[in-house]
Each structure stands twice: as structure tokens, then as C-alpha cells.
C-alpha atoms as a PDB file:
ATOM      1  CA  MET A   1      29.411  21.694  11.668  1.00  0.00           C
ATOM      2  CA  LEU A   2      26.982  19.225  10.934  1.00  0.00           C
ATOM      3  CA  GLU A   3      27.079  17.541  14.050  1.00  0.00           C
ATOM      4  CA  ASP A   4      25.704  20.897  15.831  1.00  0.00           C
ATOM      5  CA  ARG A   5      22.634  21.041  13.650  1.00  0.00           C
ATOM      6  CA  SER A   6      19.297  19.698  12.166  1.00  0.00           C
ATOM      7  CA  TRP A   7      19.995  18.354   9.072  1.00  0.00           C
ATOM      8  CA  ALA A   8      16.867  20.026   7.538  1.00  0.00           C
ATOM      9  CA  THR A   9      18.734  23.575   8.365  1.00  0.00           C
ATOM     10  CA  LEU A  10      20.883  24.780   5.184  1.00  0.00           C
ATOM     11  CA  SER A  11      22.706  28.320   5.167  1.00  0.00           C
ATOM     12  CA  ASN A  12      21.900  30.428   2.212  1.00  0.00           C
ATOM     13  CA  ASP A  13      25.106  29.372   0.310  1.00  0.00           C
ATOM     14  CA  GLU A  14      23.879  25.678   0.881  1.00  0.00           C
ATOM     15  CA  MET A  15      20.239  26.438  -0.277  1.00  0.00           C
ATOM     16  CA  ASN A  16      21.960  28.249  -3.377  1.00  0.00           C
ATOM     17  CA  THR A  17      23.946  25.644  -3.924  1.00  0.00           C
ATOM     18  CA  LEU A  18      21.164  23.472  -4.048  1.00  0.00           C
ATOM     19  CA  LEU A  19      18.732  25.657  -6.547  1.00  0.00           C
ATOM     20  CA  THR A  20      21.679  26.065  -8.453  1.00  0.00           C
ATOM     21  CA  LEU A  21      21.727  22.088  -9.300  1.00  0.00           C
ATOM     22  CA  ALA A  22      17.861  21.747  -9.328  1.00  0.00           C
ATOM     23  CA  GLU A  23      17.930  23.592 -12.365  1.00  0.00           C
ATOM     24  CA  ASN A  24      19.328  20.790 -14.587  1.00  0.00           C
ATOM     25  CA  THR A  25      16.291  18.877 -15.125  1.00  0.00           C
ATOM     26  CA  THR A  26      17.908  16.179 -17.251  1.00  0.00           C
ATOM     27  CA  SER A  27      20.710  15.163 -14.807  1.00  0.00           C
ATOM     28  CA  PRO A  28      20.305  12.295 -11.870  1.00  0.00           C
ATOM     29  CA  THR A  29      21.592  14.679  -9.468  1.00  0.00           C
ATOM     30  CA  GLY A  30      19.191  17.351 -10.534  1.00  0.00           C
ATOM     31  CA  LYS A  31      15.826  15.878 -10.873  1.00  0.00           C
ATOM     32  CA  LYS A  32      17.181  14.018  -6.775  1.00  0.00           C
ATOM     33  CA  VAL A  33      18.003  18.096  -5.832  1.00  0.00           C
ATOM     34  CA  GLN A  34      14.700  18.812  -7.240  1.00  0.00           C
ATOM     35  CA  ASN A  35      12.843  15.850  -4.877  1.00  0.00           C
ATOM     36  CA  VAL A  36      14.635  16.655  -1.709  1.00  0.00           C
ATOM     37  CA  LEU A  37      13.444  20.435  -2.455  1.00  0.00           C
ATOM     38  CA  SER A  38      10.410  19.481  -3.032  1.00  0.00           C
ATOM     39  CA  PHE A  39      10.042  17.320  -0.369  1.00  0.00           C
ATOM     40  CA  HIS A  40      11.755  18.978   2.184  1.00  0.00           C
ATOM     41  CA  TYR A  41      11.310  22.752   1.564  1.00  0.00           C
ATOM     42  CA  GLY A  42       7.799  22.996  -0.695  1.00  0.00           C
ATOM     43  CA  PHE A  43       8.980  23.736  -4.085  1.00  0.00           C
ATOM     44  CA  ASP A  44       7.389  22.893  -6.716  1.00  0.00           C
ATOM     45  CA  TYR A  45       9.043  21.159  -9.921  1.00  0.00           C
ATOM     46  CA  PHE A  46       6.750  19.325 -11.209  1.00  0.00           C
ATOM     47  CA  ARG A  47       5.341  20.224 -14.855  1.00  0.00           C
ATOM     48  CA  GLU A  48       1.822  21.122 -16.328  1.00  0.00           C
ATOM     49  CA  ALA A  49       0.810  18.885 -18.558  1.00  0.00           C
ATOM     50  CA  ILE A  50       1.701  19.547 -22.364  1.00  0.00           C
ATOM     51  CA  LEU A  51      -1.865  18.000 -23.817  1.00  0.00           C
ATOM     52  CA  PRO A  52      -4.625  20.339 -23.158  1.00  0.00           C
ATOM     53  CA  LEU A  53      -7.287  19.170 -20.622  1.00  0.00           C
ATOM     54  CA  PRO A  54     -10.732  17.691 -22.202  1.00  0.00           C
ATOM     55  CA  PRO A  55     -13.478  19.967 -21.481  1.00  0.00           C
ATOM     56  CA  PRO A  56     -15.418  18.897 -18.772  1.00  0.00           C
ATOM     57  CA  GLN A  57     -18.955  16.394 -19.509  1.00  0.00           C
ATOM     58  CA  SER A  58     -21.913  14.859 -17.307  1.00  0.00           C
ATOM     59  CA  ILE A  59     -21.198  11.609 -17.792  1.00  0.00           C
ATOM     60  CA  ALA A  60     -24.487   9.755 -16.323  1.00  0.00           C
ATOM     61  CA  ILE A  61     -23.620   6.588 -14.945  1.00  0.00           C
ATOM     62  CA  PRO A  62     -26.919   3.861 -14.103  1.00  0.00           C
ATOM     63  CA  THR A  63     -26.552   2.494 -11.004  1.00  0.00           C
ATOM     64  CA  PRO A  64     -26.343  -0.984 -11.116  1.00  0.00           C
ATOM     65  CA  GLU A  65     -28.639  -3.617  -9.311  1.00  0.00           C
ATOM     66  CA  ILE A  66     -26.191  -5.325  -6.699  1.00  0.00           C
ATOM     67  CA  LYS A  67     -28.127  -8.943  -4.920  1.00  0.00           C
ATOM     68  CA  GLU A  68     -25.628 -10.005  -2.642  1.00  0.00           C
ATOM     69  CA  ILE A  69     -25.687 -13.372  -1.881  1.00  0.00           C
ATOM     70  CA  ASP A  70     -23.665 -14.833   1.105  1.00  0.00           C
ATOM     71  CA  THR A  71     -22.024 -18.098  -0.111  1.00  0.00           C
ATOM     72  CA  ASN A  72     -19.200 -17.782   2.948  1.00  0.00           C
ATOM     73  CA  VAL A  73     -21.705 -18.639   5.845  1.00  0.00           C
ATOM     74  CA  GLY A  74     -20.257 -19.445   8.595  1.00  0.00           C
ATOM     75  CA  LEU A  75     -16.908 -18.114   7.932  1.00  0.00           C
ATOM     76  CA  GLN A  76     -15.375 -15.774   9.512  1.00  0.00           C
ATOM     77  CA  TRP A  77     -12.154 -13.411   8.199  1.00  0.00           C
ATOM     78  CA  ASN A  78     -10.337 -10.558  10.089  1.00  0.00           C
ATOM     79  CA  ALA A  79      -7.363  -8.937  10.620  1.00  0.00           C
ATOM     80  CA  TYR A  80      -5.757  -6.838  13.162  1.00  0.00           C
ATOM     81  CA  PRO A  81      -4.276  -4.459  13.568  1.00  0.00           C
ATOM     82  CA  ASN A  82      -5.370  -2.278  10.743  1.00  0.00           C
ATOM     83  CA  PRO A  83      -3.427  -0.377   9.928  1.00  0.00           C
ATOM     84  CA  ALA A  84      -0.597  -3.108  10.985  1.00  0.00           C
ATOM     85  CA  THR A  85       3.242  -1.921  11.773  1.00  0.00           C
ATOM     86  CA  ASN A  86       5.352  -5.346  11.540  1.00  0.00           C
ATOM     87  CA  GLU A  87       2.985  -8.070  12.929  1.00  0.00           C
ATOM     88  CA  VAL A  88      -0.429  -8.938  11.649  1.00  0.00           C
ATOM     89  CA  ILE A  89      -2.999 -11.589  13.573  1.00  0.00           C
ATOM     90  CA  ILE A  90      -5.755 -13.050  10.710  1.00  0.00           C
ATOM     91  CA  GLU A  91      -8.073 -14.624  12.781  1.00  0.00           C
ATOM     92  CA  TYR A  92     -10.259 -17.338  11.218  1.00  0.00           C
ATOM     93  CA  ALA A  93     -13.500 -19.267  11.671  1.00  0.00           C
ATOM     94  CA  LEU A  94     -13.521 -21.054   8.719  1.00  0.00           C
ATOM     95  CA  PRO A  95     -17.391 -23.900   7.807  1.00  0.00           C
ATOM     96  CA  GLU A  96     -16.776 -27.509   9.084  1.00  0.00           C
ATOM     97  CA  ASN A  97     -16.226 -28.106   4.634  1.00  0.00           C
ATOM     98  CA  ALA A  98     -13.134 -26.229   4.352  1.00  0.00           C
ATOM     99  CA  GLU A  99     -10.576 -28.559   2.412  1.00  0.00           C
ATOM    100  CA  ASN A 100      -6.724 -27.046   1.809  1.00  0.00           C
ATOM    101  CA  PRO A 101      -7.128 -23.634   3.645  1.00  0.00           C
ATOM    102  CA  VAL A 102      -4.875 -21.285   2.350  1.00  0.00           C
ATOM    103  CA  LEU A 103      -4.469 -17.817   2.636  1.00  0.00           C
ATOM    104  CA  LEU A 104      -2.252 -15.506   0.456  1.00  0.00           C
ATOM    105  CA  ILE A 105      -1.293 -12.191   0.944  1.00  0.00           C
ATOM    106  CA  SER A 106      -0.207  -9.955  -2.165  1.00  0.00           C
ATOM    107  CA  ASP A 107       0.354  -6.128  -2.329  1.00  0.00           C
ATOM    108  CA  SER A 108      -1.539  -3.699  -3.837  1.00  0.00           C
ATOM    109  CA  ASP A 109       0.324  -4.482  -7.731  1.00  0.00           C
ATOM    110  CA  GLY A 110      -0.555  -8.431  -7.031  1.00  0.00           C
ATOM    111  CA  HIS A 111       2.430  -9.594  -6.216  1.00  0.00           C
ATOM    112  CA  LEU A 112       1.859 -12.399  -4.035  1.00  0.00           C
ATOM    113  CA  VAL A 113       4.183 -11.799  -0.468  1.00  0.00           C
ATOM    114  CA  LEU A 114       3.002 -15.208   0.887  1.00  0.00           C
ATOM    115  CA  GLN A 115       1.211 -17.970   0.604  1.00  0.00           C
ATOM    116  CA  THR A 116       0.971 -20.562   3.383  1.00  0.00           C
ATOM    117  CA  TYR A 117      -2.145 -23.537   4.872  1.00  0.00           C
ATOM    118  CA  LEU A 118      -3.819 -22.529   7.371  1.00  0.00           C
ATOM    119  CA  ASP A 119      -4.827 -25.580  10.382  1.00  0.00           C
ATOM    120  CA  MET A 120      -7.702 -25.963  10.638  1.00  0.00           C
ATOM    121  CA  GLN A 121      -7.732 -26.388  14.210  1.00  0.00           C
ATOM    122  CA  LEU A 122      -6.192 -22.806  14.697  1.00  0.00           C
ATOM    123  CA  ASP A 123      -8.297 -19.570  14.947  1.00  0.00           C
ATOM    124  CA  GLN A 124      -5.429 -17.108  13.758  1.00  0.00           C
ATOM    125  CA  TYR A 125      -2.764 -16.773  11.713  1.00  0.00           C
ATOM    126  CA  LEU A 126       0.390 -14.634  13.087  1.00  0.00           C
ATOM    127  CA  TRP A 127       1.743 -12.571   9.731  1.00  0.00           C
ATOM    128  CA  ARG A 128       5.018 -10.941  10.640  1.00  0.00           C
ATOM    129  CA  SER A 129       5.596  -8.417   8.189  1.00  0.00           C
ATOM    130  CA  VAL A 130       8.793  -6.891   9.512  1.00  0.00           C
ATOM    131  CA  ASN A 131      10.109  -7.187   5.830  1.00  0.00           C
ATOM    132  CA  ALA A 132       7.112  -6.023   4.392  1.00  0.00           C
ATOM    133  CA  PRO A 133       7.165  -2.161   2.942  1.00  0.00           C
ATOM    134  CA  ASN A 134       4.603   0.111   3.682  1.00  0.00           C
ATOM    135  CA  GLY A 135       1.521   0.246   1.689  1.00  0.00           C
ATOM    136  CA  LEU A 136      -2.345  -1.864   1.243  1.00  0.00           C
ATOM    137  CA  TYR A 137      -2.154  -5.261   1.086  1.00  0.00           C
ATOM    138  CA  TYR A 138      -4.786  -8.065   0.770  1.00  0.00           C
ATOM    139  CA  TYR A 139      -5.072 -10.943   2.322  1.00  0.00           C
ATOM    140  CA  THR A 140      -7.245 -14.338   0.465  1.00  0.00           C
ATOM    141  CA  LEU A 141      -8.701 -16.617   2.021  1.00  0.00           C
ATOM    142  CA  LYS A 142      -8.526 -20.220  -0.648  1.00  0.00           C
ATOM    143  CA  TYR A 143     -10.568 -23.463   0.492  1.00  0.00           C
ATOM    144  CA  ASN A 144     -12.085 -25.727  -1.913  1.00  0.00           C
ATOM    145  CA  GLY A 145     -10.040 -24.898  -4.664  1.00  0.00           C
ATOM    146  CA  GLN A 146     -11.545 -21.217  -4.773  1.00  0.00           C
ATOM    147  CA  ILE A 147     -11.200 -17.912  -3.627  1.00  0.00           C
ATOM    148  CA  LYS A 148     -13.902 -17.079  -0.980  1.00  0.00           C
ATOM    149  CA  HIS A 149     -13.037 -13.491   0.745  1.00  0.00           C
ATOM    150  CA  THR A 150     -10.322 -10.629  -0.021  1.00  0.00           C
ATOM    151  CA  LYS A 151     -10.035  -7.976   2.420  1.00  0.00           C
ATOM    152  CA  GLN A 152      -7.315  -5.686   3.209  1.00  0.00           C
ATOM    153  CA  LEU A 153      -4.472  -4.875   5.293  1.00  0.00           C
ATOM    154  CA  LEU A 154      -2.830  -1.041   5.187  1.00  0.00           C
ATOM    155  CA  LEU A 155       1.242  -1.674   6.557  1.00  0.00           C
ATOM    156  CA  LEU A 156       2.407   1.703   7.826  1.00  0.00           C
ATOM    157  CA  LYS A 157       5.711   1.394   9.816  1.00  0.00           C
END
């Protein structure tokens, strides 16, 4: 009876059935069973690459000279908590010459998740990230028609 035990505890017969199903690498069921066995029981169903790996080479990469010019004088731009769960507070203090400030939030694939105008009279925006999946996000400040600052935010639920 499954109610009396953990779902992760399998009998020998159940484990043998899963191993038999996992042998079929072309069926969706076989692939799903391989994922379960890999994730929960430590089996390794990943195949090695068919092509041989190239021999290691030493490549000298020159270090570029970076000169940082701060064009965001008077700008404060932070999010907390980071990592976040269901709500993120994005604090901002904009320079007086900022016009039409916009908050852009995008996922790690570059898809825009949120775009909203920021109120110059306030100093923070509350993003309710309840429906956003776990992952890396970028929050970007745009004003005067230009992107001024982008930072990373991690959602872990």
C-alpha cells in the first residue's frame, strides 16, 4: 500500500520493472524512467560523446585594459532579497534628469517578463514573482530612452 511508505522506497520487483523500462531508450516512457532513476537513485544514463574530444591547447588571451566611466551618478539600483522567493523589492533612487523611467525584467533567455513605468515620487517597486519559475533574471533600468543599468536576480522557490 503506497500510503504507508515513501514514494521513493521501491520493492525489488518495482525497481526491476523500472530498470527493464529504462532499457528502451527510444520510447518516451523509457526516457522518463531513465530521468527518474538518474535523479532519485543515482543511475547514469548519459552517453559519452561520439566525437573524440580535441587535444587540450594552451591559448593566451590578452587582458584588455578596462576604463570604467560612471555615467550613472546619483543612481541607486538594488533588489532584495536576492536570492528571492515570491516577492522582490527593487529599490531605486534616480537622478533628477531622469525622464520616463522604466523597469524591465527578463529571464535568462532574454524573454521580457515585466515592463512597467517607475514612479519618480517613490523609491521602490514590489515585484510579485509568484508565477515566475526558478531561475536567473535580469532587472534593467531604462530612462531618457537609454538602458542605464542591469543587474542579476535569482529566484529560488
